[in-house]
């Protein structure tokens, strides 16, 4: 496996938020993290990214512990992050947003042409301000910005939230294409069950801070996962 999370525990104000969470993500696969609101998915993602310190447990990337690394060090280690709500720079142009994704690369690095091939609308709008894009276009920009760093692990937190169906299909197509290449692990934290099921090579379900189910994506229907995560 490329990402390994082992026995992770996290507390907020005395509350036990993550309870001995263990999961993994492999290169060439889409690993889906499912669960209702408030079960600890976002806390797990923040712990993975170094945005909150963990109480106990281990996080490894390609066999190397990253649990004491700062967020920027994790980015340099190969993690690309697409946060919930996109968090693009609204006053910067599309091109400038993409250039921000090059922060971990060499000083003369250029925005990869492939990003415009994956998301053609960004080429058309590269000189527009990010804040002038639609929600779906901003999500495409956020994903492209994360890909600009050439990550080995792509983490997407609720990428379909508030997005029109046509762009959800485009995002799904890109995720499938990236996974198929075999050189990137993808961790998808998602509430939209149909989208998750269509992409999942492997799934994990969380309830009350614990992983309560996991298995191959092909078994999600037979295991009744939709009912487990239904709101």
C-alpha atoms as a PDB file:
ATOM      1  CA  UNK A   1       0.000   0.000   0.000  1.00  0.00           C
ATOM      2  CA  UNK A   2       1.089   3.604  -0.518  1.00  0.00           C
ATOM      3  CA  UNK A   3      -0.835   5.266   2.318  1.00  0.00           C
ATOM      4  CA  UNK A   4      -1.194   3.455   5.636  1.00  0.00           C
ATOM      5  CA  UNK A   5      -3.113   4.855   8.594  1.00  0.00           C
ATOM      6  CA  UNK A   6      -2.780   2.681  11.686  1.00  0.00           C
ATOM      7  CA  UNK A   7      -4.679   2.941  14.992  1.00  0.00           C
ATOM      8  CA  UNK A   8      -5.215   6.695  14.731  1.00  0.00           C
ATOM      9  CA  UNK A   9      -6.776   8.429  17.741  1.00  0.00           C
ATOM     10  CA  UNK A  10      -7.823  12.062  17.983  1.00  0.00           C
ATOM     11  CA  UNK A  11      -9.569  14.126  20.661  1.00  0.00           C
ATOM     12  CA  UNK A  12     -11.283  17.517  20.640  1.00  0.00           C
ATOM     13  CA  UNK A  13     -11.922  19.151  24.029  1.00  0.00           C
ATOM     14  CA  UNK A  14     -11.888  15.775  25.734  1.00  0.00           C
ATOM     15  CA  UNK A  15     -14.183  14.107  23.192  1.00  0.00           C
ATOM     16  CA  UNK A  16     -12.785  10.994  21.498  1.00  0.00           C
ATOM     17  CA  UNK A  17     -13.320  11.904  17.820  1.00  0.00           C
ATOM     18  CA  UNK A  18     -11.243   9.255  16.015  1.00  0.00           C
ATOM     19  CA  UNK A  19     -11.170   5.818  17.607  1.00  0.00           C
ATOM     20  CA  UNK A  20      -8.286   3.576  16.526  1.00  0.00           C
ATOM     21  CA  UNK A  21      -8.891   4.282  12.826  1.00  0.00           C
ATOM     22  CA  UNK A  22      -6.911   2.115  10.411  1.00  0.00           C
ATOM     23  CA  UNK A  23      -7.118   2.243   6.625  1.00  0.00           C
ATOM     24  CA  UNK A  24      -4.933   2.199   3.536  1.00  0.00           C
ATOM     25  CA  UNK A  25      -4.816   3.388  -0.059  1.00  0.00           C
ATOM     26  CA  UNK A  26      -2.896   1.734  -2.896  1.00  0.00           C
ATOM     27  CA  UNK A  27      -1.329   3.110  -6.058  1.00  0.00           C
ATOM     28  CA  UNK A  28      -3.595   2.756  -9.056  1.00  0.00           C
ATOM     29  CA  UNK A  29      -6.743   2.563  -6.932  1.00  0.00           C
ATOM     30  CA  UNK A  30      -9.534   4.862  -5.781  1.00  0.00           C
ATOM     31  CA  UNK A  31     -10.145   4.374  -2.071  1.00  0.00           C
ATOM     32  CA  UNK A  32     -13.460   5.807  -0.929  1.00  0.00           C
ATOM     33  CA  UNK A  33     -14.161   7.049   2.594  1.00  0.00           C
ATOM     34  CA  UNK A  34     -17.889   7.164   3.362  1.00  0.00           C
ATOM     35  CA  UNK A  35     -20.024   8.177   6.323  1.00  0.00           C
ATOM     36  CA  UNK A  36     -22.723  10.557   7.452  1.00  0.00           C
ATOM     37  CA  UNK A  37     -21.979  14.090   8.627  1.00  0.00           C
ATOM     38  CA  UNK A  38     -20.174  14.287  11.944  1.00  0.00           C
ATOM     39  CA  UNK A  39     -18.676  10.788  12.000  1.00  0.00           C
ATOM     40  CA  UNK A  40     -15.058  12.002  11.866  1.00  0.00           C
ATOM     41  CA  UNK A  41     -14.240  11.976   8.142  1.00  0.00           C
ATOM     42  CA  UNK A  42     -13.080  15.591   8.044  1.00  0.00           C
ATOM     43  CA  UNK A  43     -11.035  15.152  11.219  1.00  0.00           C
ATOM     44  CA  UNK A  44      -9.341  12.136   9.648  1.00  0.00           C
ATOM     45  CA  UNK A  45      -8.513  14.141   6.517  1.00  0.00           C
ATOM     46  CA  UNK A  46      -7.159  17.036   8.598  1.00  0.00           C
ATOM     47  CA  UNK A  47      -5.031  14.596  10.594  1.00  0.00           C
ATOM     48  CA  UNK A  48      -3.696  13.086   7.387  1.00  0.00           C
ATOM     49  CA  UNK A  49      -2.786  16.532   6.051  1.00  0.00           C
ATOM     50  CA  UNK A  50      -1.134  17.649   9.301  1.00  0.00           C
ATOM     51  CA  UNK A  51      -3.710  20.363   9.940  1.00  0.00           C
ATOM     52  CA  UNK A  52      -4.370  18.907  13.403  1.00  0.00           C
ATOM     53  CA  UNK A  53      -1.880  16.878  15.483  1.00  0.00           C
ATOM     54  CA  UNK A  54      -2.789  13.267  16.227  1.00  0.00           C
ATOM     55  CA  UNK A  55      -2.983  11.936  19.774  1.00  0.00           C
ATOM     56  CA  UNK A  56      -1.686   8.475  18.914  1.00  0.00           C
ATOM     57  CA  UNK A  57      -1.250   6.143  15.970  1.00  0.00           C
ATOM     58  CA  UNK A  58       0.778   6.193  12.778  1.00  0.00           C
ATOM     59  CA  UNK A  59       0.508   7.653   9.290  1.00  0.00           C
ATOM     60  CA  UNK A  60       2.907   6.337   6.642  1.00  0.00           C
ATOM     61  CA  UNK A  61       3.438   7.368   3.057  1.00  0.00           C
ATOM     62  CA  UNK A  62       5.290   4.790   0.992  1.00  0.00           C
ATOM     63  CA  UNK A  63       6.625   3.209   4.183  1.00  0.00           C
ATOM     64  CA  UNK A  64       7.845   6.484   5.709  1.00  0.00           C
ATOM     65  CA  UNK A  65       6.213   8.021   8.790  1.00  0.00           C
ATOM     66  CA  UNK A  66       4.789  11.495   8.122  1.00  0.00           C
ATOM     67  CA  UNK A  67       2.904  12.003  11.395  1.00  0.00           C
ATOM     68  CA  UNK A  68       5.359  14.621  12.651  1.00  0.00           C
ATOM     69  CA  UNK A  69       5.657  16.466   9.334  1.00  0.00           C
ATOM     70  CA  UNK A  70       4.207  19.944   8.826  1.00  0.00           C
ATOM     71  CA  UNK A  71       1.540  20.301   6.103  1.00  0.00           C
ATOM     72  CA  UNK A  72       4.012  21.776   3.589  1.00  0.00           C
ATOM     73  CA  UNK A  73       6.380  18.867   4.202  1.00  0.00           C
ATOM     74  CA  UNK A  74       3.571  16.407   3.480  1.00  0.00           C
ATOM     75  CA  UNK A  75       2.879  18.236   0.240  1.00  0.00           C
ATOM     76  CA  UNK A  76       6.555  17.920  -0.689  1.00  0.00           C
ATOM     77  CA  UNK A  77       6.404  14.229   0.241  1.00  0.00           C
ATOM     78  CA  UNK A  78       3.784  13.724  -2.467  1.00  0.00           C
ATOM     79  CA  UNK A  79       0.306  14.549  -1.153  1.00  0.00           C
ATOM     80  CA  UNK A  80      -2.019  16.696  -3.255  1.00  0.00           C
ATOM     81  CA  UNK A  81      -5.062  18.014  -1.364  1.00  0.00           C
ATOM     82  CA  UNK A  82      -8.413  19.263  -2.644  1.00  0.00           C
ATOM     83  CA  UNK A  83     -10.186  20.661   0.433  1.00  0.00           C
ATOM     84  CA  UNK A  84     -13.912  20.742   1.046  1.00  0.00           C
ATOM     85  CA  UNK A  85     -15.241  24.039  -0.249  1.00  0.00           C
ATOM     86  CA  UNK A  86     -12.429  24.252  -2.842  1.00  0.00           C
ATOM     87  CA  UNK A  87     -10.602  27.210  -1.204  1.00  0.00           C
ATOM     88  CA  UNK A  88      -9.226  28.624  -4.420  1.00  0.00           C
ATOM     89  CA  UNK A  89      -7.763  32.137  -4.442  1.00  0.00           C
ATOM     90  CA  UNK A  90     -10.676  34.223  -5.695  1.00  0.00           C
ATOM     91  CA  UNK A  91      -8.655  37.361  -6.513  1.00  0.00           C
ATOM     92  CA  UNK A  92      -5.988  35.473  -8.448  1.00  0.00           C
ATOM     93  CA  UNK A  93      -6.416  34.384 -12.047  1.00  0.00           C
ATOM     94  CA  UNK A  94      -6.958  30.748 -12.966  1.00  0.00           C
ATOM     95  CA  UNK A  95      -3.356  30.562 -14.192  1.00  0.00           C
ATOM     96  CA  UNK A  96      -2.035  32.120 -10.981  1.00  0.00           C
ATOM     97  CA  UNK A  97      -4.037  29.613  -8.935  1.00  0.00           C
ATOM     98  CA  UNK A  98      -2.441  26.786 -10.900  1.00  0.00           C
ATOM     99  CA  UNK A  99       0.993  28.316 -10.368  1.00  0.00           C
ATOM    100  CA  UNK A 100       0.347  28.226  -6.612  1.00  0.00           C
ATOM    101  CA  UNK A 101       0.167  24.458  -6.996  1.00  0.00           C
ATOM    102  CA  UNK A 102       3.796  24.491  -8.151  1.00  0.00           C
ATOM    103  CA  UNK A 103       5.068  25.630  -4.741  1.00  0.00           C
ATOM    104  CA  UNK A 104       6.741  22.265  -4.073  1.00  0.00           C
ATOM    105  CA  UNK A 105       8.415  22.165  -7.487  1.00  0.00           C
ATOM    106  CA  UNK A 106      11.600  23.822  -8.764  1.00  0.00           C
ATOM    107  CA  UNK A 107      11.648  27.604  -9.196  1.00  0.00           C
ATOM    108  CA  UNK A 108      11.402  27.419 -13.007  1.00  0.00           C
ATOM    109  CA  UNK A 109       8.594  24.821 -13.075  1.00  0.00           C
ATOM    110  CA  UNK A 110       5.712  25.585 -15.426  1.00  0.00           C
ATOM    111  CA  UNK A 111       2.058  24.626 -15.232  1.00  0.00           C
ATOM    112  CA  UNK A 112       1.795  21.209 -16.928  1.00  0.00           C
ATOM    113  CA  UNK A 113      -0.012  21.354 -20.258  1.00  0.00           C
ATOM    114  CA  UNK A 114      -1.817  18.179 -19.280  1.00  0.00           C
ATOM    115  CA  UNK A 115      -3.936  20.075 -16.740  1.00  0.00           C
ATOM    116  CA  UNK A 116      -5.568  21.998 -19.573  1.00  0.00           C
ATOM    117  CA  UNK A 117      -6.148  18.744 -21.420  1.00  0.00           C
ATOM    118  CA  UNK A 118      -7.855  17.231 -18.370  1.00  0.00           C
ATOM    119  CA  UNK A 119      -9.955  20.361 -17.800  1.00  0.00           C
ATOM    120  CA  UNK A 120     -10.278  22.269 -21.115  1.00  0.00           C
ATOM    121  CA  UNK A 121     -12.422  25.004 -19.557  1.00  0.00           C
ATOM    122  CA  UNK A 122      -9.404  26.156 -17.539  1.00  0.00           C
ATOM    123  CA  UNK A 123      -7.503  26.946 -20.723  1.00  0.00           C
ATOM    124  CA  UNK A 124     -10.346  29.126 -21.934  1.00  0.00           C
ATOM    125  CA  UNK A 125     -10.582  30.904 -18.595  1.00  0.00           C
ATOM    126  CA  UNK A 126      -6.947  30.978 -17.526  1.00  0.00           C
ATOM    127  CA  UNK A 127      -6.866  34.791 -17.345  1.00  0.00           C
ATOM    128  CA  UNK A 128     -10.151  35.148 -15.450  1.00  0.00           C
ATOM    129  CA  UNK A 129     -10.209  35.600 -11.714  1.00  0.00           C
ATOM    130  CA  UNK A 130     -10.881  32.400  -9.835  1.00  0.00           C
ATOM    131  CA  UNK A 131     -13.743  34.042  -7.972  1.00  0.00           C
ATOM    132  CA  UNK A 132     -15.569  34.673 -11.253  1.00  0.00           C
ATOM    133  CA  UNK A 133     -15.825  30.956 -12.074  1.00  0.00           C
ATOM    134  CA  UNK A 134     -18.884  28.840 -11.330  1.00  0.00           C
ATOM    135  CA  UNK A 135     -18.754  26.412  -8.419  1.00  0.00           C
ATOM    136  CA  UNK A 136     -18.104  23.483 -10.735  1.00  0.00           C
ATOM    137  CA  UNK A 137     -15.350  25.324 -12.586  1.00  0.00           C
ATOM    138  CA  UNK A 138     -13.752  26.280  -9.266  1.00  0.00           C
ATOM    139  CA  UNK A 139     -13.769  22.614  -8.269  1.00  0.00           C
ATOM    140  CA  UNK A 140     -12.013  21.682 -11.495  1.00  0.00           C
ATOM    141  CA  UNK A 141      -9.486  24.421 -10.763  1.00  0.00           C
ATOM    142  CA  UNK A 142      -8.938  23.128  -7.211  1.00  0.00           C
ATOM    143  CA  UNK A 143      -8.279  19.609  -8.523  1.00  0.00           C
ATOM    144  CA  UNK A 144      -5.944  20.879 -11.233  1.00  0.00           C
ATOM    145  CA  UNK A 145      -4.063  22.978  -8.671  1.00  0.00           C
ATOM    146  CA  UNK A 146      -3.505  19.869  -6.537  1.00  0.00           C
ATOM    147  CA  UNK A 147      -2.355  17.903  -9.580  1.00  0.00           C
ATOM    148  CA  UNK A 148       0.152  20.625 -10.515  1.00  0.00           C
ATOM    149  CA  UNK A 149       2.453  19.332  -7.760  1.00  0.00           C
ATOM    150  CA  UNK A 150       2.558  15.891  -9.438  1.00  0.00           C
ATOM    151  CA  UNK A 151       1.367  14.077  -6.293  1.00  0.00           C
ATOM    152  CA  UNK A 152       1.611  10.384  -5.537  1.00  0.00           C
ATOM    153  CA  UNK A 153      -1.465  10.602  -3.286  1.00  0.00           C
ATOM    154  CA  UNK A 154      -4.451  12.755  -4.248  1.00  0.00           C
ATOM    155  CA  UNK A 155      -6.876  13.487  -1.397  1.00  0.00           C
ATOM    156  CA  UNK A 156     -10.291  14.854  -2.346  1.00  0.00           C
ATOM    157  CA  UNK A 157     -12.673  16.026   0.386  1.00  0.00           C
ATOM    158  CA  UNK A 158     -16.318  16.114  -0.809  1.00  0.00           C
ATOM    159  CA  UNK A 159     -15.510  17.124  -4.435  1.00  0.00           C
ATOM    160  CA  UNK A 160     -19.144  16.844  -5.618  1.00  0.00           C
ATOM    161  CA  UNK A 161     -20.581  19.194  -2.992  1.00  0.00           C
ATOM    162  CA  UNK A 162     -22.748  21.823  -4.708  1.00  0.00           C
ATOM    163  CA  UNK A 163     -21.592  20.813  -8.197  1.00  0.00           C
ATOM    164  CA  UNK A 164     -23.818  20.428 -11.270  1.00  0.00           C
ATOM    165  CA  UNK A 165     -24.193  16.850 -12.621  1.00  0.00           C
ATOM    166  CA  UNK A 166     -22.339  17.476 -15.895  1.00  0.00           C
ATOM    167  CA  UNK A 167     -19.190  18.582 -14.069  1.00  0.00           C
ATOM    168  CA  UNK A 168     -19.511  15.717 -11.567  1.00  0.00           C
ATOM    169  CA  UNK A 169     -19.265  13.390 -14.578  1.00  0.00           C
ATOM    170  CA  UNK A 170     -16.175  15.236 -15.823  1.00  0.00           C
ATOM    171  CA  UNK A 171     -14.525  14.989 -12.411  1.00  0.00           C
ATOM    172  CA  UNK A 172     -15.334  11.276 -12.210  1.00  0.00           C
ATOM    173  CA  UNK A 173     -13.817  10.731 -15.651  1.00  0.00           C
ATOM    174  CA  UNK A 174     -10.585  12.444 -14.605  1.00  0.00           C
ATOM    175  CA  UNK A 175     -10.355  10.475 -11.347  1.00  0.00           C
ATOM    176  CA  UNK A 176     -10.780   7.185 -13.221  1.00  0.00           C
ATOM    177  CA  UNK A 177      -8.140   8.194 -15.754  1.00  0.00           C
ATOM    178  CA  UNK A 178      -5.629   9.160 -13.052  1.00  0.00           C
ATOM    179  CA  UNK A 179      -6.138   5.914 -11.143  1.00  0.00           C
ATOM    180  CA  UNK A 180      -5.832   3.800 -14.265  1.00  0.00           C
ATOM    181  CA  UNK A 181      -2.292   5.055 -14.850  1.00  0.00           C
ATOM    182  CA  UNK A 182      -1.193   3.161 -11.764  1.00  0.00           C
ATOM    183  CA  UNK A 183       1.243   5.721 -10.342  1.00  0.00           C
ATOM    184  CA  UNK A 184      -1.118   7.588  -8.019  1.00  0.00           C
ATOM    185  CA  UNK A 185      -3.241   6.602  -5.023  1.00  0.00           C
ATOM    186  CA  UNK A 186      -6.545   8.443  -4.705  1.00  0.00           C
ATOM    187  CA  UNK A 187      -8.425   8.909  -1.438  1.00  0.00           C
ATOM    188  CA  UNK A 188     -11.950  10.178  -2.007  1.00  0.00           C
ATOM    189  CA  UNK A 189     -13.966  11.391   0.980  1.00  0.00           C
ATOM    190  CA  UNK A 190     -17.526  11.580  -0.305  1.00  0.00           C
ATOM    191  CA  UNK A 191     -21.187  11.704   0.737  1.00  0.00           C
ATOM    192  CA  UNK A 192     -22.705  11.269  -2.736  1.00  0.00           C
ATOM    193  CA  UNK A 193     -23.047   7.477  -2.693  1.00  0.00           C
ATOM    194  CA  UNK A 194     -23.590   6.869  -6.424  1.00  0.00           C
ATOM    195  CA  UNK A 195     -20.475   8.851  -7.327  1.00  0.00           C
ATOM    196  CA  UNK A 196     -18.422   7.012  -4.720  1.00  0.00           C
ATOM    197  CA  UNK A 197     -19.649   3.589  -5.761  1.00  0.00           C
ATOM    198  CA  UNK A 198     -18.936   4.286  -9.440  1.00  0.00           C
ATOM    199  CA  UNK A 199     -15.276   4.993  -8.654  1.00  0.00           C
ATOM    200  CA  UNK A 200     -14.430   2.793  -5.663  1.00  0.00           C
ATOM    201  CA  UNK A 201     -11.799   0.093  -5.934  1.00  0.00           C
ATOM    202  CA  UNK A 202     -11.960  -0.148  -2.157  1.00  0.00           C
ATOM    203  CA  UNK A 203     -14.202   1.452   0.453  1.00  0.00           C
ATOM    204  CA  UNK A 204     -14.187   2.304   4.156  1.00  0.00           C
ATOM    205  CA  UNK A 205     -17.246   3.371   6.132  1.00  0.00           C
ATOM    206  CA  UNK A 206     -17.011   5.414   9.335  1.00  0.00           C
ATOM    207  CA  UNK A 207     -19.513   5.728  12.179  1.00  0.00           C
ATOM    208  CA  UNK A 208     -18.913   7.604  15.428  1.00  0.00           C
ATOM    209  CA  UNK A 209     -15.205   7.940  14.774  1.00  0.00           C
ATOM    210  CA  UNK A 210     -14.613   4.298  13.899  1.00  0.00           C
ATOM    211  CA  UNK A 211     -14.218   2.287  10.705  1.00  0.00           C
ATOM    212  CA  UNK A 212     -17.196  -0.082  10.809  1.00  0.00           C
ATOM    213  CA  UNK A 213     -17.017  -1.616   7.319  1.00  0.00           C
ATOM    214  CA  UNK A 214     -14.523  -1.986   4.483  1.00  0.00           C
ATOM    215  CA  UNK A 215     -13.984  -4.067   1.393  1.00  0.00           C
ATOM    216  CA  UNK A 216     -13.711  -4.109  -2.400  1.00  0.00           C
ATOM    217  CA  UNK A 217     -15.798  -1.521  -4.215  1.00  0.00           C
ATOM    218  CA  UNK A 218     -17.486  -4.284  -6.208  1.00  0.00           C
ATOM    219  CA  UNK A 219     -19.124  -5.499  -2.992  1.00  0.00           C
ATOM    220  CA  UNK A 220     -20.698  -2.193  -1.950  1.00  0.00           C
ATOM    221  CA  UNK A 221     -24.134  -3.106  -3.312  1.00  0.00           C
ATOM    222  CA  UNK A 222     -24.251  -6.613  -1.872  1.00  0.00           C
ATOM    223  CA  UNK A 223     -23.034  -5.374   1.533  1.00  0.00           C
ATOM    224  CA  UNK A 224     -25.767  -2.730   1.725  1.00  0.00           C
ATOM    225  CA  UNK A 225     -23.365   0.198   2.028  1.00  0.00           C
ATOM    226  CA  UNK A 226     -25.908   2.671   0.618  1.00  0.00           C
ATOM    227  CA  UNK A 227     -28.201   1.982   3.579  1.00  0.00           C
ATOM    228  CA  UNK A 228     -25.320   2.351   6.045  1.00  0.00           C
ATOM    229  CA  UNK A 229     -24.489   5.875   4.893  1.00  0.00           C
ATOM    230  CA  UNK A 230     -27.994   7.098   3.993  1.00  0.00           C
ATOM    231  CA  UNK A 231     -28.828  10.423   5.614  1.00  0.00           C
END
